Amino acid sequence: MKLTIERLGHLGDGVAQGPNGPIFVSAVLPGEVVDGELSGDRLTQVRIVTPTATRVKPPCAHAKSCGGCLMQHANDSFVADWKIGIVRGALEGQGLEAEIRGIVTSPPRSRRRATFAARRTKSGALIGFHARGSDVIIPIPDCQLLHSDLMAAIPGIEALVKIGGSRTQELSFTVTRSDAGADVVADGGKPLDGPLRMELARVVETFGFARLKWDDEVVALRANPVQQIGSAKVVPPPGAFLQATEHGQKSLVALVKEALGPQKKIVDLFAGCGTFALPLAEGAELHAVEGDAEMMAALDKAARQTQGLKRVSVETRDLFRRPLEADEFKHVTGVVIDPPRAGAEAQIVPLAGSGVPVIAMVSCNPATFARDAKSLIGAGYRLEWVQVVDQFRWSSHVELVGCFRLAHM
């Protein structure tokens, strides 16, 4: 069946019109003519008959087999326009318009955090990413996405799999780059006992890992896995959320600072380990709120150990079940809010009625951002600008920062 690709869906699949409805095609671009075999609503065994000028040779040798990157067949300009279009479409879906200032994209080989799939084999260990839509593990020795320090951790992961894995169960290893070495969280391995703990600790020492958590237990801490956030040094709990790239983190912080401008008292909602709270505290009193007690403890410790910060207070609180009420924003001059993909609908309602002069909203989901933005605008805020940030290069993932200001100010 020969088809012409009309557009891309928000997950990166090409969409063509078939005789009975939409047909989805992987690794294609709008305007391309393709041929293949129809299987349900998908085209398989795809052959590009007429490529577009935006098609490029994927920079990674694993692009066709690995499911980690979906858009390496498109040039950077196309991907940038596509991601900006996703944000614009989400806003239009809520009847909103705003200045979209463009996109900031992290460079190749800059991802500082990844989750590897692994399995023990008869001859050793298999480590990599899953093929798209499959449980097949694809080795990635020439990955163009990950920081070289993550790639350098793979031999150590292999050693862990050989002593702590089984051939019947897959393991996952979340690895985060830190100043002191790889910070590793393993799930799905053999149950811990005395000898296994000793063997795992030897691997940590041999390969220079900073920390290893094996299922629910930290079995080795060679050095604190420090993360630099602003002028502070933070030791996050194992597996804690961090921005995907250092470049992306710095870009987001700079945009939040620009949106807020000079402030006296800032509240940081969904503060995590202090991505925004700690840099903002260099110039303003800061109250950080987050539902995870361990992350709040890490932020609090880093703030107390960093000279030159204004007063930082922390509060462990589930903002989905118990959002800050409008009167709790009294004397607050600015808010930064960085919710998970589900957005912050429960928190947005009281925030919209708080009268806080300026709000910087960070989002990893344009759809929930647009929904929450509509609530703020309905309460008298104006959305002054949106900046798209692409930390997840060659993926369908989109992040952004939006600047909201009370309309009468």
Protein backbone atom coordinates (compact mmCIF):
# COMPACT_ATOMS: atom_id res chain seq x y z
CA MET A 1 0.00 0.00 0.00
CA LYS A 2 1.34 3.40 -1.02
CA LEU A 3 0.54 6.39 1.19
CA THR A 4 1.43 10.06 1.59
CA ILE A 5 2.25 11.16 5.15
CA GLU A 6 0.07 14.14 6.09
CA ARG A 7 1.39 15.03 9.56
CA LEU A 8 3.09 13.76 12.69
CA GLY A 9 1.21 12.75 15.80
CA HIS A 10 2.35 14.08 19.17
CA LEU A 11 4.33 10.87 19.80
CA GLY A 12 6.23 11.16 16.52
CA ASP A 13 4.38 8.67 14.32
CA GLY A 14 3.48 9.72 10.81
CA VAL A 15 -0.23 9.85 10.06
CA ALA A 16 -1.71 9.10 6.63
CA GLN A 17 -5.30 8.78 5.53
CA GLY A 18 -6.28 5.24 4.65
CA PRO A 19 -9.51 3.87 3.15
CA ASN A 20 -10.95 3.18 6.63
CA GLY A 21 -9.35 5.94 8.70
CA PRO A 22 -5.92 7.12 9.91
CA ILE A 23 -2.90 4.88 9.37
CA PHE A 24 0.20 5.28 11.55
CA VAL A 25 3.74 4.92 10.24
CA SER A 26 6.99 4.98 12.21
CA ALA A 27 10.13 6.95 11.26
CA VAL A 28 8.60 9.05 8.49
CA LEU A 29 8.02 12.76 7.87
CA PRO A 30 5.14 14.88 6.53
CA GLY A 31 5.05 14.98 2.73
CA GLU A 32 6.87 11.69 2.26
CA VAL A 33 5.43 8.97 0.04
CA VAL A 34 5.84 5.54 1.59
CA ASP A 35 5.01 1.96 0.71
CA GLY A 36 4.42 -1.00 2.99
CA GLU A 37 2.07 -3.64 4.33
CA LEU A 38 -1.04 -2.70 6.28
CA SER A 39 -1.45 -4.40 9.65
CA GLY A 40 -4.49 -3.05 11.49
CA ASP A 41 -4.01 0.72 11.64
CA ARG A 42 -0.24 0.56 11.15
CA LEU A 43 1.97 0.33 8.07
CA THR A 44 4.80 -2.19 8.44
CA GLN A 45 7.75 -3.16 6.25
CA VAL A 46 7.93 0.52 5.37
CA ARG A 47 9.89 1.74 2.35
CA ILE A 48 10.44 5.45 1.70
CA VAL A 49 9.43 6.06 -1.94
CA THR A 50 9.83 9.85 -1.94
CA PRO A 51 11.81 11.39 0.94
CA THR A 52 11.54 15.05 1.93
CA ALA A 53 14.37 17.55 2.24
CA THR A 54 14.03 17.45 6.02
CA ARG A 55 15.10 13.78 6.15
CA VAL A 56 18.69 13.16 7.28
CA LYS A 57 20.85 10.14 7.96
CA PRO A 58 20.47 9.28 11.66
CA PRO A 59 23.65 10.21 13.56
CA CYS A 60 23.44 7.06 15.70
CA ALA A 61 24.18 3.57 14.41
CA HIS A 62 21.43 2.19 16.67
CA ALA A 63 18.63 4.48 15.45
CA LYS A 64 16.68 1.81 13.57
CA SER A 65 16.78 -0.82 16.30
CA CYS A 66 16.83 1.14 19.59
CA GLY A 67 13.64 2.63 21.01
CA GLY A 68 15.43 5.41 22.87
CA CYS A 69 15.25 8.00 20.07
CA LEU A 70 12.34 8.46 17.67
CA MET A 71 13.30 11.49 15.58
CA GLN A 72 16.90 11.03 14.43
CA HIS A 73 15.71 10.77 10.82
CA ALA A 74 14.64 14.47 10.85
CA ASN A 75 16.91 17.51 10.78
CA ASP A 76 17.17 19.72 13.85
CA SER A 77 15.14 22.53 12.32
CA PHE A 78 12.20 20.22 11.62
CA VAL A 79 12.26 18.75 15.15
CA ALA A 80 12.40 22.23 16.67
CA ASP A 81 9.43 23.45 14.61
CA TRP A 82 7.49 20.27 15.38
CA LYS A 83 7.97 20.63 19.14
CA ILE A 84 7.05 24.31 19.06
CA GLY A 85 3.98 23.28 17.07
CA ILE A 86 3.00 20.80 19.79
CA VAL A 87 3.04 23.61 22.35
CA ARG A 88 1.14 25.99 20.06
CA GLY A 89 -1.46 23.30 19.36
CA ALA A 90 -1.94 22.62 23.07
CA LEU A 91 -2.56 26.32 23.73
CA GLU A 92 -4.94 26.63 20.79
CA GLY A 93 -6.83 23.61 22.09
CA GLN A 94 -7.68 25.69 25.18
CA GLY A 95 -8.43 28.78 23.11
CA LEU A 96 -5.20 30.49 24.18
CA GLU A 97 -2.53 32.46 22.38
CA ALA A 98 0.91 33.50 23.60
CA GLU A 99 4.28 34.55 22.31
CA ILE A 100 6.31 31.37 21.81
CA ARG A 101 9.88 32.54 21.79
CA GLY A 102 11.52 29.53 20.21
CA ILE A 103 13.36 26.49 21.51
CA VAL A 104 16.52 25.76 23.49
CA THR A 105 17.91 22.30 22.71
CA SER A 106 20.47 20.36 24.74
CA PRO A 107 23.46 19.12 22.70
CA PRO A 108 24.12 15.48 21.78
CA ARG A 109 25.82 13.28 24.38
CA SER A 110 24.58 15.43 27.25
CA ARG A 111 21.98 13.25 29.01
CA ARG A 112 23.20 12.75 32.57
CA ARG A 113 20.57 10.23 33.59
CA ALA A 114 19.28 7.05 31.96
CA THR A 115 17.60 3.77 32.84
CA PHE A 116 19.27 0.75 31.27
CA ALA A 117 17.58 -2.60 30.79
CA ALA A 118 19.80 -5.57 31.58
CA ARG A 119 19.72 -9.34 31.64
CA ARG A 120 22.26 -11.97 32.57
CA THR A 121 23.15 -14.24 29.65
CA LYS A 122 24.97 -17.53 29.27
CA SER A 123 28.12 -15.70 28.17
CA GLY A 124 27.87 -12.61 30.39
CA ALA A 125 25.34 -9.77 30.38
CA LEU A 126 23.18 -7.85 27.93
CA ILE A 127 22.72 -4.12 28.64
CA GLY A 128 21.01 -1.38 26.67
CA PHE A 129 17.61 0.06 25.81
CA HIS A 130 14.49 -1.73 24.65
CA ALA A 131 13.58 -1.83 21.01
CA ARG A 132 10.49 0.24 20.34
CA GLY A 133 7.35 -1.55 21.54
CA SER A 134 9.36 -4.63 22.54
CA ASP A 135 11.09 -6.25 25.51
CA VAL A 136 14.13 -7.01 23.34
CA ILE A 137 17.26 -5.32 24.77
CA ILE A 138 19.41 -3.48 22.23
CA PRO A 139 23.06 -2.80 23.16
CA ILE A 140 24.03 0.85 22.52
CA PRO A 141 27.85 1.13 22.39
CA ASP A 142 27.68 4.14 20.02
CA CYS A 143 24.81 6.03 21.72
CA GLN A 144 24.74 9.69 20.65
CA LEU A 145 22.37 10.72 23.43
CA LEU A 146 24.10 9.84 26.70
CA HIS A 147 26.93 11.68 28.41
CA SER A 148 30.26 9.88 28.12
CA ASP A 149 30.26 9.30 31.90
CA LEU A 150 27.08 7.24 31.60
CA MET A 151 28.55 5.22 28.76
CA ALA A 152 31.66 4.65 30.89
CA ALA A 153 29.45 3.15 33.63
CA ILE A 154 28.23 0.28 31.41
CA PRO A 155 31.15 -2.11 32.18
CA GLY A 156 30.43 -1.67 35.89
CA ILE A 157 26.73 -2.35 35.29
CA GLU A 158 27.74 -5.49 33.41
CA ALA A 159 29.73 -6.63 36.43
CA LEU A 160 26.73 -6.03 38.69
CA VAL A 161 24.47 -8.05 36.39
CA LYS A 162 26.87 -11.00 36.33
CA ILE A 163 26.91 -11.32 40.12
CA GLY A 164 23.42 -10.09 40.98
CA GLY A 165 21.22 -10.92 38.01
CA SER A 166 19.48 -14.00 36.73
CA ARG A 167 18.77 -15.30 33.25
CA THR A 168 15.04 -15.43 33.94
CA GLN A 169 14.39 -11.88 35.14
CA GLU A 170 15.22 -8.53 33.63
CA LEU A 171 16.92 -5.87 35.75
CA SER A 172 16.80 -2.11 35.41
CA PHE A 173 19.59 0.28 36.35
CA THR A 174 18.89 3.97 36.76
CA VAL A 175 22.26 5.68 36.45
CA THR A 176 22.85 9.36 37.20
CA ARG A 177 26.07 11.20 36.53
CA SER A 178 27.47 12.95 39.61
CA ASP A 179 30.65 14.80 40.52
CA ALA A 180 31.81 11.75 42.50
CA GLY A 181 30.95 9.03 39.96
CA ALA A 182 27.88 7.16 38.79
CA ASP A 183 24.92 7.07 41.18
CA VAL A 184 23.21 3.73 40.52
CA VAL A 185 19.81 2.35 41.50
CA ALA A 186 19.20 -1.32 40.63
CA ASP A 187 15.82 -3.03 40.55
CA GLY A 188 14.97 -6.67 39.93
CA GLY A 189 18.19 -8.30 41.14
CA LYS A 190 18.80 -11.26 43.40
CA PRO A 191 17.74 -10.90 47.06
CA LEU A 192 20.50 -9.48 49.21
CA ASP A 193 22.54 -11.58 51.58
CA GLY A 194 25.90 -11.07 53.23
CA PRO A 195 28.13 -12.42 50.43
CA LEU A 196 26.18 -10.57 47.71
CA ARG A 197 26.46 -7.29 49.61
CA MET A 198 30.23 -7.72 49.77
CA GLU A 199 30.49 -8.54 46.06
CA LEU A 200 28.35 -5.57 45.07
CA ALA A 201 30.44 -3.25 47.25
CA ARG A 202 33.61 -4.53 45.55
CA VAL A 203 32.15 -3.66 42.14
CA VAL A 204 31.31 -0.14 43.34
CA GLU A 205 34.92 0.32 44.49
CA THR A 206 36.45 -1.23 41.38
CA PHE A 207 34.48 0.88 38.90
CA GLY A 208 34.42 4.07 40.93
CA PHE A 209 30.66 4.32 41.40
CA ALA A 210 29.60 6.87 43.99
CA ARG A 211 26.61 4.97 45.37
CA LEU A 212 24.65 1.79 44.75
CA LYS A 213 21.11 1.14 45.88
CA TRP A 214 20.03 -2.46 45.34
CA ASP A 215 16.24 -2.67 45.37
CA ASP A 216 15.36 -1.02 48.73
CA GLU A 217 18.82 -0.88 50.33
CA VAL A 218 21.85 1.34 49.80
CA VAL A 219 24.54 -1.34 49.80
CA ALA A 220 27.55 0.88 49.07
CA LEU A 221 28.43 4.55 49.41
CA ARG A 222 31.96 5.21 48.15
CA ALA A 223 31.41 8.99 47.96
CA ASN A 224 28.47 11.36 48.18
CA PRO A 225 26.95 11.71 44.67
CA VAL A 226 26.95 15.51 44.70
CA GLN A 227 24.96 17.58 42.21
CA GLN A 228 25.80 21.25 41.67
CA ILE A 229 22.65 23.41 41.76
CA GLY A 230 23.43 27.10 41.59
CA SER A 231 26.02 27.79 44.26
CA ALA A 232 24.82 24.83 46.35
CA LYS A 233 25.95 21.22 46.40
CA VAL A 234 23.10 18.76 46.84
CA VAL A 235 23.18 15.03 47.59
CA PRO A 236 19.83 13.78 46.24
CA PRO A 237 18.26 10.60 47.59
CA PRO A 238 18.80 7.57 45.35
CA GLY A 239 16.75 7.80 42.16
CA ALA A 240 15.45 11.29 42.93
CA PHE A 241 14.20 13.44 40.07
CA LEU A 242 16.78 15.65 38.37
CA GLN A 243 16.61 17.56 35.11
CA ALA A 244 17.78 15.34 32.25
CA THR A 245 20.78 17.46 31.26
CA GLU A 246 22.91 20.05 33.00
CA HIS A 247 22.38 22.29 29.97
CA GLY A 248 18.62 21.93 30.32
CA GLN A 249 18.75 22.63 34.06
CA LYS A 250 20.73 25.83 33.55
CA SER A 251 18.40 26.92 30.74
CA LEU A 252 15.28 26.35 32.83
CA VAL A 253 16.74 28.16 35.85
CA ALA A 254 17.72 31.14 33.70
CA LEU A 255 14.22 31.33 32.23
CA VAL A 256 12.54 31.09 35.65
CA LYS A 257 14.79 33.87 36.95
CA GLU A 258 13.91 36.00 33.92
CA ALA A 259 10.19 35.38 34.40
CA LEU A 260 10.19 36.22 38.10
CA GLY A 261 12.63 39.11 38.04
CA PRO A 262 13.79 40.61 41.38
CA GLN A 263 11.67 39.29 44.24
CA LYS A 264 11.52 39.48 48.03
CA LYS A 265 9.73 36.22 48.86
CA ILE A 266 9.26 33.26 46.51
CA VAL A 267 7.36 30.01 46.96
CA ASP A 268 8.62 27.01 44.99
CA LEU A 269 5.90 24.40 44.48
CA PHE A 270 6.91 20.80 43.62
CA ALA A 271 10.42 21.89 44.56
CA GLY A 272 12.17 18.51 44.30
CA CYS A 273 15.78 18.72 45.48
CA GLY A 274 15.99 22.45 44.80
CA THR A 275 16.50 22.88 41.06
CA PHE A 276 14.91 26.32 41.25
CA ALA A 277 14.74 26.96 44.99
CA LEU A 278 18.48 27.02 45.60
CA PRO A 279 19.44 29.37 42.73
CA LEU A 280 16.49 31.66 43.51
CA ALA A 281 17.48 31.79 47.18
CA GLU A 282 20.64 33.63 46.14
CA GLY A 283 18.44 36.73 45.80
CA ALA A 284 15.17 36.15 47.65
CA GLU A 285 13.67 34.51 50.71
CA LEU A 286 12.44 31.10 49.60
CA HIS A 287 9.83 28.63 50.84
CA ALA A 288 10.05 25.22 49.13
CA VAL A 289 7.17 22.73 49.14
CA GLU A 290 7.40 19.12 47.96
CA GLY A 291 5.66 15.86 48.78
CA ASP A 292 8.82 13.76 49.09
CA ALA A 293 10.39 14.06 52.55
CA GLU A 294 13.80 12.75 51.46
CA MET A 295 14.11 15.34 48.71
CA MET A 296 13.05 18.08 51.13
CA ALA A 297 15.72 16.92 53.56
CA ALA A 298 18.37 17.03 50.82
CA LEU A 299 17.32 20.55 49.82
CA ASP A 300 17.27 21.74 53.43
CA LYS A 301 20.73 20.32 54.15
CA ALA A 302 22.20 21.89 51.00
CA ALA A 303 20.68 25.29 51.83
CA ARG A 304 22.06 25.22 55.38
CA GLN A 305 25.54 24.35 54.11
CA THR A 306 25.66 27.02 51.40
CA GLN A 307 26.87 30.50 52.25
CA GLY A 308 25.27 33.59 50.79
CA LEU A 309 21.69 32.34 50.48
CA LYS A 310 18.67 34.18 51.80
CA ARG A 311 16.45 32.36 54.30
CA VAL A 312 15.23 29.01 52.96
CA SER A 313 12.35 27.11 54.59
CA VAL A 314 11.03 23.73 53.53
CA GLU A 315 7.69 21.98 53.89
CA THR A 316 6.85 18.36 53.08
CA ARG A 317 3.31 18.42 51.74
CA ASP A 318 1.26 16.52 49.16
CA LEU A 319 0.15 19.33 46.86
CA PHE A 320 -2.34 17.10 45.07
CA ARG A 321 -4.26 16.27 48.24
CA ARG A 322 -3.46 19.37 50.28
CA PRO A 323 -2.53 22.29 48.05
CA LEU A 324 -1.47 25.62 49.50
CA GLU A 325 -4.56 27.78 49.98
CA ALA A 326 -4.81 31.35 48.69
CA ASP A 327 -4.23 32.93 52.10
CA GLU A 328 -0.95 31.00 52.50
CA PHE A 329 0.54 33.14 49.72
CA LYS A 330 0.26 36.30 51.80
CA HIS A 331 3.36 38.49 51.37
CA VAL A 332 4.63 36.18 48.57
CA THR A 333 5.84 38.20 45.59
CA GLY A 334 6.55 35.36 43.14
CA VAL A 335 5.84 31.66 42.63
CA VAL A 336 7.59 28.97 40.61
CA ILE A 337 5.62 25.79 40.03
CA ASP A 338 7.04 22.68 38.34
CA PRO A 339 4.45 19.89 38.56
CA PRO A 340 4.73 16.36 37.12
CA ARG A 341 3.07 15.40 33.83
CA ALA A 342 -0.41 15.36 35.37
CA GLY A 343 -0.12 19.09 35.94
CA ALA A 344 -1.25 20.92 39.06
CA GLU A 345 -5.00 21.36 38.72
CA ALA A 346 -5.71 21.17 42.47
CA GLN A 347 -2.96 23.68 43.29
CA ILE A 348 -3.73 26.05 40.41
CA VAL A 349 -7.22 26.89 41.72
CA PRO A 350 -6.08 28.50 45.00
CA LEU A 351 -2.95 29.90 43.33
CA ALA A 352 -5.11 31.64 40.74
CA GLY A 353 -6.96 33.42 43.53
CA SER A 354 -3.88 34.26 45.57
CA GLY A 355 -3.04 37.60 43.98
CA VAL A 356 0.66 36.68 43.64
CA PRO A 357 2.01 39.20 41.13
CA VAL A 358 4.06 36.84 38.94
CA ILE A 359 4.16 33.06 38.38
CA ALA A 360 6.76 31.04 36.48
CA MET A 361 5.32 27.68 35.44
CA VAL A 362 7.62 24.89 34.29
CA SER A 363 5.97 21.96 32.54
CA CYS A 364 6.87 18.67 30.87
CA ASN A 365 3.38 18.29 29.37
CA PRO A 366 2.06 21.01 27.03
CA ALA A 367 -1.52 19.69 27.35
CA THR A 368 -1.74 20.02 31.14
CA PHE A 369 0.22 23.29 30.99
CA ALA A 370 -2.41 24.73 28.65
CA ARG A 371 -5.23 23.49 30.88
CA ASP A 372 -3.67 25.07 33.98
CA ALA A 373 -2.77 28.23 32.06
CA LYS A 374 -6.41 28.68 31.11
CA SER A 375 -7.36 28.66 34.81
CA LEU A 376 -4.77 31.32 35.63
CA ILE A 377 -5.81 33.49 32.70
CA GLY A 378 -9.45 33.15 33.71
CA ALA A 379 -8.49 34.51 37.14
CA GLY A 380 -6.86 37.64 35.73
CA TYR A 381 -3.34 36.60 34.76
CA ARG A 382 -1.87 37.11 31.31
CA LEU A 383 0.53 34.65 29.72
CA GLU A 384 3.34 36.93 28.61
CA TRP A 385 5.57 34.37 26.90
CA VAL A 386 6.41 30.69 26.56
CA GLN A 387 9.87 29.26 25.93
CA VAL A 388 10.25 25.66 24.76
CA VAL A 389 13.18 23.69 26.22
CA ASP A 390 14.25 20.39 24.65
CA GLN A 391 16.31 18.30 27.06
CA PHE A 392 15.10 15.06 25.49
CA ARG A 393 16.73 15.43 22.10
CA TRP A 394 15.31 13.26 19.28
CA SER A 395 12.28 12.28 21.38
CA SER A 396 8.66 13.40 21.43
CA HIS A 397 9.10 14.88 24.92
CA VAL A 398 8.56 18.64 25.25
CA GLU A 399 9.30 20.95 28.18
CA LEU A 400 8.58 24.63 28.56
CA VAL A 401 8.54 27.66 30.84
CA GLY A 402 5.64 30.11 30.87
CA CYS A 403 5.59 33.57 32.44
CA PHE A 404 2.28 34.69 34.01
CA ARG A 405 1.66 38.16 35.40
CA LEU A 406 -1.43 39.72 36.91
CA ALA A 407 -3.08 41.69 34.14
CA HIS A 408 -3.53 44.88 36.19
CA MET A 409 0.18 45.11 37.02
